[in-house]
Amino acid sequence: MLWENALLNAQKVTELNPSSHVGYQLTHAALHGAQHYDAAIEAFKIMLSKLDDSPEVRMQDNSSMQH
C-alpha cells in the first residue's frame, strides 16, 4: 500500500510538470521499492532524458567549459 501511494503521488507530480525530472525520479523510487524493476528502469531512463534537457544541466555544462 505504501508504494502504491508513492506511485500515485509521483504520477501526480509528473502530470503537473511533465518536463521536470522530479516526477520520474519519484516514479523510479516507488517502482523500485515495489520491486517492479523493469518499469523502474524505464522511469529512470525517462528521468535521465529529462535531466539532459534541463536548464540546470546546460548551465553546469557551460560553466565547466569556461574553466
N, C-alpha and C. Protein backbone atom coordinates (compact mmCIF):
# COMPACT_ATOMS: atom_id res chain seq x y z
N MET A 1 0.83 -1.20 0.00
CA MET A 1 0.00 0.00 0.00
C MET A 1 0.87 1.26 0.00
N LEU A 2 1.97 1.23 0.72
CA LEU A 2 2.85 2.39 0.81
C LEU A 2 3.40 2.77 -0.57
N TRP A 3 3.90 1.77 -1.32
CA TRP A 3 4.48 2.03 -2.63
C TRP A 3 3.43 2.47 -3.64
N GLU A 4 2.22 1.93 -3.51
CA GLU A 4 1.14 2.34 -4.42
C GLU A 4 0.81 3.81 -4.21
N ASN A 5 0.77 4.25 -2.97
CA ASN A 5 0.51 5.67 -2.67
C ASN A 5 1.65 6.54 -3.19
N ALA A 6 2.87 6.07 -3.01
CA ALA A 6 4.03 6.82 -3.51
C ALA A 6 3.97 6.94 -5.02
N LEU A 7 3.57 5.86 -5.70
CA LEU A 7 3.47 5.90 -7.15
C LEU A 7 2.38 6.86 -7.61
N LEU A 8 1.25 6.87 -6.93
CA LEU A 8 0.18 7.82 -7.26
C LEU A 8 0.65 9.26 -7.10
N ASN A 9 1.37 9.52 -6.03
CA ASN A 9 1.91 10.87 -5.80
C ASN A 9 2.91 11.25 -6.89
N ALA A 10 3.77 10.30 -7.26
CA ALA A 10 4.76 10.56 -8.30
C ALA A 10 4.07 10.84 -9.63
N GLN A 11 3.02 10.10 -9.93
CA GLN A 11 2.30 10.33 -11.18
C GLN A 11 1.63 11.70 -11.19
N LYS A 12 1.17 12.14 -10.05
CA LYS A 12 0.57 13.47 -9.95
C LYS A 12 1.63 14.55 -10.19
N VAL A 13 2.82 14.37 -9.65
CA VAL A 13 3.91 15.32 -9.88
C VAL A 13 4.24 15.39 -11.37
N THR A 14 4.28 14.23 -12.01
CA THR A 14 4.57 14.17 -13.44
C THR A 14 3.47 14.86 -14.25
N GLU A 15 2.23 14.68 -13.86
CA GLU A 15 1.11 15.34 -14.55
C GLU A 15 1.22 16.86 -14.43
N LEU A 16 1.61 17.33 -13.25
CA LEU A 16 1.70 18.77 -13.02
C LEU A 16 2.85 19.41 -13.79
N ASN A 17 3.94 18.67 -13.96
CA ASN A 17 5.10 19.22 -14.68
C ASN A 17 5.81 18.10 -15.43
N PRO A 18 5.28 17.71 -16.59
CA PRO A 18 5.85 16.58 -17.32
C PRO A 18 7.26 16.80 -17.85
N SER A 19 7.70 18.03 -17.93
CA SER A 19 9.05 18.29 -18.42
C SER A 19 10.11 18.20 -17.33
N SER A 20 9.69 18.09 -16.08
CA SER A 20 10.63 18.01 -14.97
C SER A 20 11.05 16.56 -14.72
N HIS A 21 12.28 16.38 -14.29
CA HIS A 21 12.78 15.04 -13.96
C HIS A 21 12.27 14.54 -12.61
N VAL A 22 11.76 15.42 -11.78
CA VAL A 22 11.41 15.07 -10.40
C VAL A 22 10.33 13.99 -10.33
N GLY A 23 9.27 14.14 -11.10
CA GLY A 23 8.20 13.15 -11.08
C GLY A 23 8.69 11.78 -11.48
N TYR A 24 9.58 11.74 -12.46
CA TYR A 24 10.12 10.46 -12.93
C TYR A 24 11.09 9.87 -11.91
N GLN A 25 11.80 10.73 -11.20
CA GLN A 25 12.68 10.25 -10.12
C GLN A 25 11.84 9.60 -9.02
N LEU A 26 10.74 10.25 -8.67
CA LEU A 26 9.85 9.69 -7.65
C LEU A 26 9.18 8.41 -8.14
N THR A 27 8.82 8.38 -9.42
CA THR A 27 8.23 7.18 -10.00
C THR A 27 9.22 6.03 -9.95
N HIS A 28 10.45 6.31 -10.31
CA HIS A 28 11.50 5.29 -10.26
C HIS A 28 11.64 4.73 -8.85
N ALA A 29 11.69 5.62 -7.86
CA ALA A 29 11.86 5.17 -6.47
C ALA A 29 10.68 4.32 -6.02
N ALA A 30 9.47 4.73 -6.37
CA ALA A 30 8.28 3.97 -5.96
C ALA A 30 8.24 2.60 -6.63
N LEU A 31 8.53 2.56 -7.92
CA LEU A 31 8.51 1.29 -8.63
C LEU A 31 9.62 0.37 -8.15
N HIS A 32 10.78 0.93 -7.88
CA HIS A 32 11.89 0.13 -7.35
C HIS A 32 11.53 -0.43 -5.98
N GLY A 33 10.94 0.40 -5.14
CA GLY A 33 10.53 -0.06 -3.81
C GLY A 33 9.47 -1.14 -3.87
N ALA A 34 8.62 -1.09 -4.89
CA ALA A 34 7.58 -2.10 -5.06
C ALA A 34 8.09 -3.31 -5.83
N GLN A 35 9.36 -3.32 -6.14
CA GLN A 35 10.04 -4.40 -6.85
C GLN A 35 9.52 -4.61 -8.27
N HIS A 36 9.11 -3.52 -8.91
CA HIS A 36 8.73 -3.53 -10.32
C HIS A 36 9.92 -2.99 -11.10
N TYR A 37 10.94 -3.83 -11.21
CA TYR A 37 12.24 -3.35 -11.67
C TYR A 37 12.26 -2.92 -13.14
N ASP A 38 11.58 -3.64 -14.01
CA ASP A 38 11.57 -3.25 -15.42
C ASP A 38 10.94 -1.87 -15.61
N ALA A 39 9.82 -1.65 -14.96
CA ALA A 39 9.16 -0.34 -15.04
C ALA A 39 10.02 0.74 -14.38
N ALA A 40 10.72 0.38 -13.31
CA ALA A 40 11.60 1.34 -12.63
C ALA A 40 12.74 1.77 -13.55
N ILE A 41 13.27 0.83 -14.31
CA ILE A 41 14.34 1.16 -15.26
C ILE A 41 13.83 2.12 -16.32
N GLU A 42 12.63 1.89 -16.82
CA GLU A 42 12.06 2.78 -17.82
C GLU A 42 11.87 4.19 -17.26
N ALA A 43 11.37 4.28 -16.04
CA ALA A 43 11.19 5.59 -15.40
C ALA A 43 12.54 6.28 -15.21
N PHE A 44 13.56 5.50 -14.88
CA PHE A 44 14.91 6.04 -14.69
C PHE A 44 15.45 6.60 -16.01
N LYS A 45 15.22 5.88 -17.10
CA LYS A 45 15.67 6.34 -18.42
C LYS A 45 14.98 7.66 -18.79
N ILE A 46 13.69 7.74 -18.53
CA ILE A 46 12.97 8.99 -18.81
C ILE A 46 13.51 10.11 -17.95
N MET A 47 13.78 9.81 -16.67
CA MET A 47 14.34 10.82 -15.78
C MET A 47 15.66 11.35 -16.34
N LEU A 48 16.52 10.45 -16.81
CA LEU A 48 17.81 10.89 -17.36
C LEU A 48 17.62 11.76 -18.60
N SER A 49 16.65 11.41 -19.44
CA SER A 49 16.41 12.23 -20.63
C SER A 49 15.90 13.61 -20.24
N LYS A 50 15.09 13.70 -19.20
CA LYS A 50 14.61 14.99 -18.72
C LYS A 50 15.76 15.80 -18.13
N LEU A 51 16.68 15.12 -17.46
CA LEU A 51 17.84 15.82 -16.90
C LEU A 51 18.72 16.39 -18.01
N ASP A 52 18.88 15.64 -19.09
CA ASP A 52 19.67 16.13 -20.22
C ASP A 52 19.09 17.41 -20.79
N ASP A 53 17.77 17.55 -20.71
CA ASP A 53 17.09 18.71 -21.26
C ASP A 53 16.93 19.86 -20.27
N SER A 54 17.32 19.65 -19.03
CA SER A 54 17.05 20.66 -18.01
C SER A 54 18.00 21.85 -18.12
N PRO A 55 17.52 23.05 -17.83
CA PRO A 55 18.37 24.24 -17.90
C PRO A 55 19.52 24.20 -16.91
N GLU A 56 19.31 23.55 -15.75
CA GLU A 56 20.37 23.49 -14.75
C GLU A 56 21.57 22.73 -15.28
N VAL A 57 21.33 21.65 -15.99
CA VAL A 57 22.42 20.85 -16.53
C VAL A 57 23.14 21.63 -17.61
N ARG A 58 22.39 22.33 -18.46
CA ARG A 58 23.02 23.13 -19.51
C ARG A 58 23.89 24.23 -18.90
N MET A 59 23.44 24.84 -17.80
CA MET A 59 24.23 25.88 -17.14
C MET A 59 25.52 25.29 -16.60
N GLN A 60 25.44 24.10 -15.99
CA GLN A 60 26.63 23.46 -15.45
C GLN A 60 27.60 23.13 -16.57
N ASP A 61 27.10 22.64 -17.69
CA ASP A 61 27.96 22.32 -18.83
C ASP A 61 28.67 23.57 -19.32
N ASN A 62 27.94 24.66 -19.42
CA ASN A 62 28.54 25.90 -19.89
C ASN A 62 29.58 26.43 -18.93
N SER A 63 29.34 26.35 -17.65
CA SER A 63 30.31 26.87 -16.69
C SER A 63 31.55 25.99 -16.63
N SER A 64 31.41 24.70 -16.84
CA SER A 64 32.59 23.83 -16.81
C SER A 64 33.45 24.05 -18.07
N MET A 65 32.83 24.48 -19.17
CA MET A 65 33.59 24.75 -20.40
C MET A 65 34.41 26.01 -20.27
N GLN A 66 34.00 26.92 -19.41
CA GLN A 66 34.68 28.20 -19.28
C GLN A 66 35.95 28.07 -18.45
N HIS A 67 36.14 26.98 -17.75
CA HIS A 67 37.32 26.83 -16.88
C HIS A 67 38.43 26.17 -17.59
